């Protein structure tokens, strides 16, 4: 049992690394998620496609992301409820992962009765319209959005036409079915609140997860300065960007895989690690025509290395 008084299932969604990658996911098209004239909730086409698409011709997409994650959630729900435990669901994600977290929360709250659902997102874009937001509220989904003021991703899509139009009369704007709307409560973070961060223009630095975690670690309130006893190592901010002030002398983009991902094999040669068959992507059509066998090719390379070492 966890400290909140129940068994909490946590689902964490990874996201697109760069802002440009998120923009590629935007299709700038809202489409209905239900059927019938009375169903007004709409979702961004690109996010909905990522969550629900599947293909029998590929190794990993024979079932959709939706089917995979909901299958695991139901499995855990049955396990803990059979033990007599109360169960809740918390879903989190950064960037695109934050968008998928909302889709996941909507499906879980719609299909699993009596399940408390919460969402905590970091730098997530807008996902749907006002009717989608209202549906989540009616289902009791609790949502907290953490956004960096300077981060452009959290302002998209709907940079101009967004929930701000709700201040106008519906006779002017209509029912806002085609307007993007954020969901839940917002906690706004500011790069300028940290004495460790550069204040210049840096789209990547504003959006990466480490910047968010650094600002959360130092946050006390909107009226307080950066927390002086923050414990998260500031060097982590520069893992993949150049956001720290030069006085700290932390190299930018310093993180890399050990030995650039190479491993030393039994013959003393540095090679790429051998991949398990289930981790090898499905062969493309051209490879199938040439009857390429990835595992046999790997064995052939190993035999060649062995002969060279004799």
C-alpha atoms as a PDB file:
ATOM      1  CA  UNK A   1       0.000   0.000   0.000  1.00  0.00           C
ATOM      2  CA  UNK A   2       1.298   3.456  -0.829  1.00  0.00           C
ATOM      3  CA  UNK A   3       1.346   6.569   1.334  1.00  0.00           C
ATOM      4  CA  UNK A   4      -1.783   7.983  -0.346  1.00  0.00           C
ATOM      5  CA  UNK A   5      -3.849   5.217   1.254  1.00  0.00           C
ATOM      6  CA  UNK A   6      -4.343   2.945  -1.732  1.00  0.00           C
ATOM      7  CA  UNK A   7      -2.454   0.963  -4.342  1.00  0.00           C
ATOM      8  CA  UNK A   8      -1.534   3.480  -7.037  1.00  0.00           C
ATOM      9  CA  UNK A   9      -0.700   2.240 -10.540  1.00  0.00           C
ATOM     10  CA  UNK A  10       1.688   4.615 -12.297  1.00  0.00           C
ATOM     11  CA  UNK A  11       1.876   4.861 -16.092  1.00  0.00           C
ATOM     12  CA  UNK A  12       4.703   7.008 -17.498  1.00  0.00           C
ATOM     13  CA  UNK A  13       4.643   8.048 -21.157  1.00  0.00           C
ATOM     14  CA  UNK A  14       7.828   9.024 -22.953  1.00  0.00           C
ATOM     15  CA  UNK A  15       7.652  11.950 -25.346  1.00  0.00           C
ATOM     16  CA  UNK A  16       9.205  13.476 -28.417  1.00  0.00           C
ATOM     17  CA  UNK A  17      12.649  14.797 -27.492  1.00  0.00           C
ATOM     18  CA  UNK A  18      12.678  18.054 -29.469  1.00  0.00           C
ATOM     19  CA  UNK A  19      10.044  20.764 -30.052  1.00  0.00           C
ATOM     20  CA  UNK A  20      10.381  20.243 -33.808  1.00  0.00           C
ATOM     21  CA  UNK A  21       9.499  16.586 -33.301  1.00  0.00           C
ATOM     22  CA  UNK A  22       6.321  17.577 -31.474  1.00  0.00           C
ATOM     23  CA  UNK A  23       5.346  19.948 -34.265  1.00  0.00           C
ATOM     24  CA  UNK A  24       5.628  17.034 -36.703  1.00  0.00           C
ATOM     25  CA  UNK A  25       3.056  15.148 -34.609  1.00  0.00           C
ATOM     26  CA  UNK A  26       0.541  17.992 -34.973  1.00  0.00           C
ATOM     27  CA  UNK A  27      -1.931  17.356 -37.784  1.00  0.00           C
ATOM     28  CA  UNK A  28      -3.875  20.555 -37.040  1.00  0.00           C
ATOM     29  CA  UNK A  29      -7.144  18.666 -37.341  1.00  0.00           C
ATOM     30  CA  UNK A  30      -9.671  17.930 -34.625  1.00  0.00           C
ATOM     31  CA  UNK A  31     -11.744  14.811 -35.106  1.00  0.00           C
ATOM     32  CA  UNK A  32     -14.581  13.306 -33.021  1.00  0.00           C
ATOM     33  CA  UNK A  33     -13.711  10.547 -30.563  1.00  0.00           C
ATOM     34  CA  UNK A  34     -17.306   9.304 -30.283  1.00  0.00           C
ATOM     35  CA  UNK A  35     -20.257   8.633 -32.529  1.00  0.00           C
ATOM     36  CA  UNK A  36     -23.499  10.489 -33.024  1.00  0.00           C
ATOM     37  CA  UNK A  37     -24.511  14.093 -33.365  1.00  0.00           C
ATOM     38  CA  UNK A  38     -24.572  14.641 -29.604  1.00  0.00           C
ATOM     39  CA  UNK A  39     -20.909  13.760 -29.116  1.00  0.00           C
ATOM     40  CA  UNK A  40     -18.932  16.981 -29.401  1.00  0.00           C
ATOM     41  CA  UNK A  41     -15.591  15.927 -27.873  1.00  0.00           C
ATOM     42  CA  UNK A  42     -12.810  16.135 -30.435  1.00  0.00           C
ATOM     43  CA  UNK A  43      -9.122  15.215 -30.345  1.00  0.00           C
ATOM     44  CA  UNK A  44      -6.093  16.257 -32.362  1.00  0.00           C
ATOM     45  CA  UNK A  45      -5.804  13.812 -35.266  1.00  0.00           C
ATOM     46  CA  UNK A  46      -2.057  13.157 -34.946  1.00  0.00           C
ATOM     47  CA  UNK A  47      -2.176  12.285 -31.236  1.00  0.00           C
ATOM     48  CA  UNK A  48      -5.270  10.113 -31.667  1.00  0.00           C
ATOM     49  CA  UNK A  49      -3.620   8.255 -34.544  1.00  0.00           C
ATOM     50  CA  UNK A  50      -0.479   7.539 -32.491  1.00  0.00           C
ATOM     51  CA  UNK A  51      -2.623   6.201 -29.643  1.00  0.00           C
ATOM     52  CA  UNK A  52      -4.998   4.004 -31.651  1.00  0.00           C
ATOM     53  CA  UNK A  53      -3.205   2.967 -34.875  1.00  0.00           C
ATOM     54  CA  UNK A  54      -2.021  -0.584 -35.466  1.00  0.00           C
ATOM     55  CA  UNK A  55      -0.710  -2.668 -38.349  1.00  0.00           C
ATOM     56  CA  UNK A  56      -0.518  -6.434 -38.799  1.00  0.00           C
ATOM     57  CA  UNK A  57       2.501  -6.094 -41.103  1.00  0.00           C
ATOM     58  CA  UNK A  58       4.866  -4.876 -38.360  1.00  0.00           C
ATOM     59  CA  UNK A  59       6.407  -6.619 -35.370  1.00  0.00           C
ATOM     60  CA  UNK A  60       5.513  -4.109 -32.664  1.00  0.00           C
ATOM     61  CA  UNK A  61       2.260  -2.550 -33.890  1.00  0.00           C
ATOM     62  CA  UNK A  62       0.042  -5.581 -34.300  1.00  0.00           C
ATOM     63  CA  UNK A  63      -1.891  -4.135 -31.381  1.00  0.00           C
ATOM     64  CA  UNK A  64      -2.278  -0.420 -30.752  1.00  0.00           C
ATOM     65  CA  UNK A  65      -0.660   1.555 -27.965  1.00  0.00           C
ATOM     66  CA  UNK A  66      -4.119   1.870 -26.461  1.00  0.00           C
ATOM     67  CA  UNK A  67      -4.653  -1.893 -26.401  1.00  0.00           C
ATOM     68  CA  UNK A  68      -1.218  -2.576 -24.958  1.00  0.00           C
ATOM     69  CA  UNK A  69      -1.361  -0.098 -22.084  1.00  0.00           C
ATOM     70  CA  UNK A  70      -4.990  -0.789 -21.194  1.00  0.00           C
ATOM     71  CA  UNK A  71      -4.266  -4.514 -21.152  1.00  0.00           C
ATOM     72  CA  UNK A  72      -1.509  -3.984 -18.586  1.00  0.00           C
ATOM     73  CA  UNK A  73      -3.644  -1.623 -16.493  1.00  0.00           C
ATOM     74  CA  UNK A  74      -6.529  -4.113 -16.359  1.00  0.00           C
ATOM     75  CA  UNK A  75      -4.127  -6.905 -15.445  1.00  0.00           C
ATOM     76  CA  UNK A  76      -2.765  -4.911 -12.496  1.00  0.00           C
ATOM     77  CA  UNK A  77      -6.256  -3.789 -11.504  1.00  0.00           C
ATOM     78  CA  UNK A  78      -7.413  -7.405 -11.264  1.00  0.00           C
ATOM     79  CA  UNK A  79      -4.297  -8.424  -9.337  1.00  0.00           C
ATOM     80  CA  UNK A  80      -4.670  -5.817  -6.588  1.00  0.00           C
ATOM     81  CA  UNK A  81      -8.455  -5.729  -6.388  1.00  0.00           C
ATOM     82  CA  UNK A  82      -8.497  -9.496  -5.955  1.00  0.00           C
ATOM     83  CA  UNK A  83      -6.306  -8.893  -2.899  1.00  0.00           C
ATOM     84  CA  UNK A  84      -8.954  -6.559  -1.516  1.00  0.00           C
ATOM     85  CA  UNK A  85      -6.915  -3.391  -2.117  1.00  0.00           C
ATOM     86  CA  UNK A  86      -8.269  -0.051  -3.273  1.00  0.00           C
ATOM     87  CA  UNK A  87      -6.644   0.988  -6.532  1.00  0.00           C
ATOM     88  CA  UNK A  88      -6.028   4.330  -8.226  1.00  0.00           C
ATOM     89  CA  UNK A  89      -4.298   5.279 -11.469  1.00  0.00           C
ATOM     90  CA  UNK A  90      -1.764   8.060 -11.992  1.00  0.00           C
ATOM     91  CA  UNK A  91      -0.597   8.836 -15.530  1.00  0.00           C
ATOM     92  CA  UNK A  92       2.307  11.120 -16.324  1.00  0.00           C
ATOM     93  CA  UNK A  93       4.255  12.176 -19.387  1.00  0.00           C
ATOM     94  CA  UNK A  94       6.435  14.864 -20.936  1.00  0.00           C
ATOM     95  CA  UNK A  95       5.727  16.617 -24.231  1.00  0.00           C
ATOM     96  CA  UNK A  96       3.973  14.163 -26.579  1.00  0.00           C
ATOM     97  CA  UNK A  97       3.858  11.797 -23.597  1.00  0.00           C
ATOM     98  CA  UNK A  98       1.732  14.350 -21.752  1.00  0.00           C
ATOM     99  CA  UNK A  99      -0.733  14.405 -24.632  1.00  0.00           C
ATOM    100  CA  UNK A 100      -0.940  10.602 -24.713  1.00  0.00           C
ATOM    101  CA  UNK A 101      -1.406  10.596 -20.938  1.00  0.00           C
ATOM    102  CA  UNK A 102      -4.672  12.516 -21.378  1.00  0.00           C
ATOM    103  CA  UNK A 103      -5.906  10.090 -24.031  1.00  0.00           C
ATOM    104  CA  UNK A 104      -4.996   7.219 -21.720  1.00  0.00           C
ATOM    105  CA  UNK A 105      -6.831   8.879 -18.818  1.00  0.00           C
ATOM    106  CA  UNK A 106      -9.946   9.404 -20.931  1.00  0.00           C
ATOM    107  CA  UNK A 107     -10.034   5.749 -21.985  1.00  0.00           C
ATOM    108  CA  UNK A 108      -9.298   4.386 -18.515  1.00  0.00           C
ATOM    109  CA  UNK A 109     -11.940   6.552 -16.835  1.00  0.00           C
ATOM    110  CA  UNK A 110     -14.476   5.609 -19.540  1.00  0.00           C
ATOM    111  CA  UNK A 111     -13.940   1.848 -19.471  1.00  0.00           C
ATOM    112  CA  UNK A 112     -12.973   0.974 -15.882  1.00  0.00           C
ATOM    113  CA  UNK A 113     -15.662   1.787 -13.302  1.00  0.00           C
ATOM    114  CA  UNK A 114     -14.868   3.318  -9.915  1.00  0.00           C
ATOM    115  CA  UNK A 115     -11.239   4.053 -10.764  1.00  0.00           C
ATOM    116  CA  UNK A 116      -9.764   7.350  -9.497  1.00  0.00           C
ATOM    117  CA  UNK A 117      -7.571   8.731 -12.298  1.00  0.00           C
ATOM    118  CA  UNK A 118      -5.008  11.535 -12.069  1.00  0.00           C
ATOM    119  CA  UNK A 119      -2.745  13.060 -14.723  1.00  0.00           C
ATOM    120  CA  UNK A 120       0.497  14.996 -14.167  1.00  0.00           C
ATOM    121  CA  UNK A 121       1.984  16.315 -17.393  1.00  0.00           C
ATOM    122  CA  UNK A 122       5.162  18.250 -18.198  1.00  0.00           C
ATOM    123  CA  UNK A 123       5.341  20.579 -21.201  1.00  0.00           C
ATOM    124  CA  UNK A 124       2.331  18.953 -22.847  1.00  0.00           C
ATOM    125  CA  UNK A 125       0.595  20.496 -25.861  1.00  0.00           C
ATOM    126  CA  UNK A 126      -3.156  20.999 -26.181  1.00  0.00           C
ATOM    127  CA  UNK A 127      -4.915  17.760 -27.075  1.00  0.00           C
ATOM    128  CA  UNK A 128      -8.607  18.418 -27.725  1.00  0.00           C
ATOM    129  CA  UNK A 129     -11.454  20.889 -27.565  1.00  0.00           C
ATOM    130  CA  UNK A 130     -13.542  22.223 -24.701  1.00  0.00           C
ATOM    131  CA  UNK A 131     -15.970  19.302 -24.843  1.00  0.00           C
ATOM    132  CA  UNK A 132     -13.088  16.856 -24.362  1.00  0.00           C
ATOM    133  CA  UNK A 133     -11.905  18.870 -21.346  1.00  0.00           C
ATOM    134  CA  UNK A 134     -15.429  18.888 -19.904  1.00  0.00           C
ATOM    135  CA  UNK A 135     -15.757  15.123 -20.370  1.00  0.00           C
ATOM    136  CA  UNK A 136     -12.599  14.517 -18.352  1.00  0.00           C
ATOM    137  CA  UNK A 137     -13.861  16.805 -15.605  1.00  0.00           C
ATOM    138  CA  UNK A 138     -17.217  15.023 -15.519  1.00  0.00           C
ATOM    139  CA  UNK A 139     -15.456  11.675 -15.231  1.00  0.00           C
ATOM    140  CA  UNK A 140     -13.564  12.998 -12.203  1.00  0.00           C
ATOM    141  CA  UNK A 141     -10.100  12.940 -13.789  1.00  0.00           C
ATOM    142  CA  UNK A 142      -7.736  15.217 -11.860  1.00  0.00           C
ATOM    143  CA  UNK A 143      -5.138  16.938 -14.034  1.00  0.00           C
ATOM    144  CA  UNK A 144      -2.090  19.037 -13.179  1.00  0.00           C
ATOM    145  CA  UNK A 145      -0.134  20.626 -16.035  1.00  0.00           C
ATOM    146  CA  UNK A 146       3.389  21.802 -15.353  1.00  0.00           C
ATOM    147  CA  UNK A 147       4.494  24.286 -18.008  1.00  0.00           C
ATOM    148  CA  UNK A 148       7.551  26.469 -18.488  1.00  0.00           C
ATOM    149  CA  UNK A 149       6.487  29.977 -19.405  1.00  0.00           C
ATOM    150  CA  UNK A 150       9.062  30.208 -22.212  1.00  0.00           C
ATOM    151  CA  UNK A 151       8.268  26.767 -23.678  1.00  0.00           C
ATOM    152  CA  UNK A 152       6.476  27.047 -27.029  1.00  0.00           C
ATOM    153  CA  UNK A 153       5.302  23.419 -27.119  1.00  0.00           C
ATOM    154  CA  UNK A 154       2.813  23.919 -24.294  1.00  0.00           C
ATOM    155  CA  UNK A 155       1.243  26.760 -26.305  1.00  0.00           C
ATOM    156  CA  UNK A 156       0.554  24.545 -29.319  1.00  0.00           C
ATOM    157  CA  UNK A 157      -1.621  23.756 -31.175  1.00  0.00           C
ATOM    158  CA  UNK A 158      -4.040  26.638 -30.882  1.00  0.00           C
ATOM    159  CA  UNK A 159      -1.511  29.425 -30.470  1.00  0.00           C
ATOM    160  CA  UNK A 160      -4.212  31.953 -31.407  1.00  0.00           C
ATOM    161  CA  UNK A 161      -7.532  30.097 -31.262  1.00  0.00           C
ATOM    162  CA  UNK A 162      -7.613  28.510 -27.818  1.00  0.00           C
ATOM    163  CA  UNK A 163      -9.482  28.473 -24.514  1.00  0.00           C
ATOM    164  CA  UNK A 164      -8.914  32.229 -24.209  1.00  0.00           C
ATOM    165  CA  UNK A 165     -11.835  32.704 -26.601  1.00  0.00           C
ATOM    166  CA  UNK A 166     -14.223  31.431 -23.915  1.00  0.00           C
ATOM    167  CA  UNK A 167     -14.353  34.917 -22.470  1.00  0.00           C
ATOM    168  CA  UNK A 168     -16.381  35.922 -25.518  1.00  0.00           C
ATOM    169  CA  UNK A 169     -20.084  35.242 -25.886  1.00  0.00           C
ATOM    170  CA  UNK A 170     -20.945  31.974 -27.646  1.00  0.00           C
ATOM    171  CA  UNK A 171     -22.977  33.955 -30.150  1.00  0.00           C
ATOM    172  CA  UNK A 172     -19.678  35.350 -31.414  1.00  0.00           C
ATOM    173  CA  UNK A 173     -17.363  32.348 -31.136  1.00  0.00           C
ATOM    174  CA  UNK A 174     -19.829  29.458 -31.433  1.00  0.00           C
ATOM    175  CA  UNK A 175     -19.601  26.344 -29.272  1.00  0.00           C
ATOM    176  CA  UNK A 176     -15.796  26.211 -29.589  1.00  0.00           C
ATOM    177  CA  UNK A 177     -15.916  22.687 -31.021  1.00  0.00           C
ATOM    178  CA  UNK A 178     -13.009  23.481 -33.323  1.00  0.00           C
ATOM    179  CA  UNK A 179     -10.894  25.367 -30.789  1.00  0.00           C
ATOM    180  CA  UNK A 180      -8.046  23.690 -28.875  1.00  0.00           C
ATOM    181  CA  UNK A 181      -8.320  23.795 -25.083  1.00  0.00           C
ATOM    182  CA  UNK A 182      -5.981  22.844 -22.240  1.00  0.00           C
ATOM    183  CA  UNK A 183      -7.202  20.500 -19.509  1.00  0.00           C
ATOM    184  CA  UNK A 184      -6.822  20.844 -15.744  1.00  0.00           C
ATOM    185  CA  UNK A 185      -4.979  23.094 -13.347  1.00  0.00           C
ATOM    186  CA  UNK A 186      -1.775  24.788 -14.461  1.00  0.00           C
ATOM    187  CA  UNK A 187       1.464  25.259 -12.528  1.00  0.00           C
ATOM    188  CA  UNK A 188       3.568  27.770 -14.443  1.00  0.00           C
ATOM    189  CA  UNK A 189       7.339  27.674 -14.045  1.00  0.00           C
ATOM    190  CA  UNK A 190       9.705  30.418 -15.183  1.00  0.00           C
ATOM    191  CA  UNK A 191      13.262  29.999 -16.463  1.00  0.00           C
ATOM    192  CA  UNK A 192      14.120  33.432 -15.081  1.00  0.00           C
ATOM    193  CA  UNK A 193      13.337  32.274 -11.539  1.00  0.00           C
ATOM    194  CA  UNK A 194      16.482  30.099 -11.491  1.00  0.00           C
ATOM    195  CA  UNK A 195      19.895  31.720 -10.920  1.00  0.00           C
ATOM    196  CA  UNK A 196      21.500  28.727 -12.659  1.00  0.00           C
ATOM    197  CA  UNK A 197      19.806  29.028 -16.059  1.00  0.00           C
ATOM    198  CA  UNK A 198      20.606  31.230 -19.026  1.00  0.00           C
ATOM    199  CA  UNK A 199      17.838  33.615 -19.984  1.00  0.00           C
ATOM    200  CA  UNK A 200      18.534  33.774 -23.713  1.00  0.00           C
ATOM    201  CA  UNK A 201      16.444  32.156 -26.444  1.00  0.00           C
ATOM    202  CA  UNK A 202      16.798  28.372 -26.348  1.00  0.00           C
ATOM    203  CA  UNK A 203      13.777  26.444 -27.660  1.00  0.00           C
ATOM    204  CA  UNK A 204      15.290  23.036 -26.900  1.00  0.00           C
ATOM    205  CA  UNK A 205      16.502  24.047 -23.452  1.00  0.00           C
ATOM    206  CA  UNK A 206      13.113  25.475 -22.497  1.00  0.00           C
ATOM    207  CA  UNK A 207      11.387  22.208 -23.363  1.00  0.00           C
ATOM    208  CA  UNK A 208      13.594  19.338 -22.182  1.00  0.00           C
ATOM    209  CA  UNK A 209      12.587  17.264 -19.188  1.00  0.00           C
ATOM    210  CA  UNK A 210      15.650  18.179 -17.132  1.00  0.00           C
ATOM    211  CA  UNK A 211      14.796  21.895 -17.262  1.00  0.00           C
ATOM    212  CA  UNK A 212      11.317  21.091 -15.968  1.00  0.00           C
ATOM    213  CA  UNK A 213      12.660  18.898 -13.156  1.00  0.00           C
ATOM    214  CA  UNK A 214      15.195  21.565 -12.172  1.00  0.00           C
ATOM    215  CA  UNK A 215      12.515  24.262 -11.962  1.00  0.00           C
ATOM    216  CA  UNK A 216      10.131  21.997 -10.050  1.00  0.00           C
ATOM    217  CA  UNK A 217      12.904  21.181  -7.567  1.00  0.00           C
ATOM    218  CA  UNK A 218      13.478  24.872  -6.892  1.00  0.00           C
ATOM    219  CA  UNK A 219       9.830  25.931  -6.852  1.00  0.00           C
ATOM    220  CA  UNK A 220       8.199  27.081  -3.620  1.00  0.00           C
ATOM    221  CA  UNK A 221       5.485  29.448  -4.823  1.00  0.00           C
ATOM    222  CA  UNK A 222       4.904  32.057  -7.485  1.00  0.00           C
ATOM    223  CA  UNK A 223       5.816  34.724  -4.924  1.00  0.00           C
ATOM    224  CA  UNK A 224       9.018  33.071  -3.669  1.00  0.00           C
ATOM    225  CA  UNK A 225      12.546  32.960  -5.026  1.00  0.00           C
ATOM    226  CA  UNK A 226      14.224  29.775  -6.216  1.00  0.00           C
ATOM    227  CA  UNK A 227      14.636  27.343  -3.325  1.00  0.00           C
ATOM    228  CA  UNK A 228      18.213  27.628  -2.005  1.00  0.00           C
ATOM    229  CA  UNK A 229      18.203  24.081  -0.621  1.00  0.00           C
ATOM    230  CA  UNK A 230      17.134  22.430  -3.893  1.00  0.00           C
ATOM    231  CA  UNK A 231      18.797  19.007  -4.041  1.00  0.00           C
ATOM    232  CA  UNK A 232      18.663  17.945  -7.694  1.00  0.00           C
ATOM    233  CA  UNK A 233      22.099  18.179  -9.325  1.00  0.00           C
ATOM    234  CA  UNK A 234      22.032  21.209 -11.659  1.00  0.00           C
ATOM    235  CA  UNK A 235      24.566  19.525 -13.975  1.00  0.00           C
ATOM    236  CA  UNK A 236      21.742  17.275 -15.186  1.00  0.00           C
ATOM    237  CA  UNK A 237      20.179  20.243 -16.972  1.00  0.00           C
ATOM    238  CA  UNK A 238      23.020  20.309 -19.504  1.00  0.00           C
ATOM    239  CA  UNK A 239      22.795  16.617 -20.389  1.00  0.00           C
ATOM    240  CA  UNK A 240      21.391  17.385 -23.829  1.00  0.00           C
ATOM    241  CA  UNK A 241      21.386  21.189 -24.157  1.00  0.00           C
ATOM    242  CA  UNK A 242      23.186  24.388 -23.158  1.00  0.00           C
ATOM    243  CA  UNK A 243      20.997  25.990 -20.501  1.00  0.00           C
ATOM    244  CA  UNK A 244      23.321  26.453 -17.519  1.00  0.00           C
ATOM    245  CA  UNK A 245      25.167  29.729 -16.989  1.00  0.00           C
ATOM    246  CA  UNK A 246      28.803  29.631 -18.085  1.00  0.00           C
ATOM    247  CA  UNK A 247      30.044  30.368 -14.551  1.00  0.00           C
ATOM    248  CA  UNK A 248      29.090  26.828 -13.516  1.00  0.00           C
ATOM    249  CA  UNK A 249      31.525  25.416 -16.123  1.00  0.00           C
ATOM    250  CA  UNK A 250      29.328  22.431 -16.891  1.00  0.00           C
ATOM    251  CA  UNK A 251      29.881  21.271 -20.510  1.00  0.00           C
ATOM    252  CA  UNK A 252      26.796  21.430 -22.678  1.00  0.00           C
ATOM    253  CA  UNK A 253      25.315  18.224 -24.128  1.00  0.00           C
ATOM    254  CA  UNK A 254      27.740  16.185 -22.013  1.00  0.00           C
ATOM    255  CA  UNK A 255      25.725  12.973 -21.740  1.00  0.00           C
ATOM    256  CA  UNK A 256      26.626   9.996 -23.918  1.00  0.00           C
ATOM    257  CA  UNK A 257      26.379   6.218 -23.701  1.00  0.00           C
ATOM    258  CA  UNK A 258      29.332   4.504 -22.109  1.00  0.00           C
ATOM    259  CA  UNK A 259      31.935   3.658 -24.795  1.00  0.00           C
ATOM    260  CA  UNK A 260      29.516   5.153 -27.346  1.00  0.00           C
ATOM    261  CA  UNK A 261      27.366   2.050 -26.940  1.00  0.00           C
ATOM    262  CA  UNK A 262      30.081  -0.459 -27.896  1.00  0.00           C
ATOM    263  CA  UNK A 263      30.801  -3.558 -25.800  1.00  0.00           C
ATOM    264  CA  UNK A 264      33.874  -5.762 -25.559  1.00  0.00           C
ATOM    265  CA  UNK A 265      33.105  -9.261 -26.832  1.00  0.00           C
ATOM    266  CA  UNK A 266      34.725 -12.546 -25.793  1.00  0.00           C
ATOM    267  CA  UNK A 267      37.504 -12.087 -28.367  1.00  0.00           C
ATOM    268  CA  UNK A 268      38.503  -8.656 -27.035  1.00  0.00           C
ATOM    269  CA  UNK A 269      36.936  -6.751 -29.939  1.00  0.00           C
ATOM    270  CA  UNK A 270      34.754  -3.684 -29.410  1.00  0.00           C
ATOM    271  CA  UNK A 271      31.470  -4.251 -31.245  1.00  0.00           C
ATOM    272  CA  UNK A 272      27.856  -3.185 -31.150  1.00  0.00           C
ATOM    273  CA  UNK A 273      25.911  -5.246 -28.603  1.00  0.00           C
ATOM    274  CA  UNK A 274      24.023  -8.225 -29.949  1.00  0.00           C
ATOM    275  CA  UNK A 275      20.293  -7.621 -29.967  1.00  0.00           C
ATOM    276  CA  UNK A 276      17.690 -10.117 -28.881  1.00  0.00           C
ATOM    277  CA  UNK A 277      15.480 -11.305 -31.766  1.00  0.00           C
ATOM    278  CA  UNK A 278      12.424  -9.590 -30.265  1.00  0.00           C
ATOM    279  CA  UNK A 279      14.308  -6.267 -30.229  1.00  0.00           C
ATOM    280  CA  UNK A 280      15.168  -6.366 -33.932  1.00  0.00           C
ATOM    281  CA  UNK A 281      12.757  -4.284 -36.067  1.00  0.00           C
ATOM    282  CA  UNK A 282      10.627  -6.065 -38.611  1.00  0.00           C
ATOM    283  CA  UNK A 283      12.448  -6.377 -41.967  1.00  0.00           C
ATOM    284  CA  UNK A 284      11.413  -3.830 -44.556  1.00  0.00           C
ATOM    285  CA  UNK A 285       9.898  -5.020 -47.825  1.00  0.00           C
ATOM    286  CA  UNK A 286      13.187  -4.707 -49.709  1.00  0.00           C
ATOM    287  CA  UNK A 287      15.001  -6.785 -47.120  1.00  0.00           C
ATOM    288  CA  UNK A 288      12.357  -9.490 -47.335  1.00  0.00           C
ATOM    289  CA  UNK A 289      12.834  -9.714 -51.101  1.00  0.00           C
ATOM    290  CA  UNK A 290      16.546 -10.313 -50.635  1.00  0.00           C
ATOM    291  CA  UNK A 291      15.858 -12.853 -47.866  1.00  0.00           C
ATOM    292  CA  UNK A 292      18.171 -11.129 -45.404  1.00  0.00           C
ATOM    293  CA  UNK A 293      18.582 -12.899 -42.093  1.00  0.00           C
ATOM    294  CA  UNK A 294      19.815 -10.477 -39.443  1.00  0.00           C
ATOM    295  CA  UNK A 295      20.688 -13.108 -36.864  1.00  0.00           C
ATOM    296  CA  UNK A 296      22.682 -15.199 -39.349  1.00  0.00           C
ATOM    297  CA  UNK A 297      24.545 -12.103 -40.515  1.00  0.00           C
ATOM    298  CA  UNK A 298      25.470 -11.322 -36.906  1.00  0.00           C
ATOM    299  CA  UNK A 299      26.756 -14.881 -36.380  1.00  0.00           C
ATOM    300  CA  UNK A 300      28.796 -14.584 -39.570  1.00  0.00           C
ATOM    301  CA  UNK A 301      30.460 -11.407 -38.334  1.00  0.00           C
ATOM    302  CA  UNK A 302      31.289 -13.069 -35.020  1.00  0.00           C
ATOM    303  CA  UNK A 303      32.871 -16.060 -36.796  1.00  0.00           C
ATOM    304  CA  UNK A 304      34.955 -13.683 -38.927  1.00  0.00           C
ATOM    305  CA  UNK A 305      36.157 -11.828 -35.842  1.00  0.00           C
ATOM    306  CA  UNK A 306      37.050 -15.154 -34.225  1.00  0.00           C
ATOM    307  CA  UNK A 307      39.123 -16.228 -37.254  1.00  0.00           C
ATOM    308  CA  UNK A 308      40.925 -12.895 -37.319  1.00  0.00           C
ATOM    309  CA  UNK A 309      41.864 -13.251 -33.675  1.00  0.00           C
ATOM    310  CA  UNK A 310      43.485 -16.669 -34.184  1.00  0.00           C
END
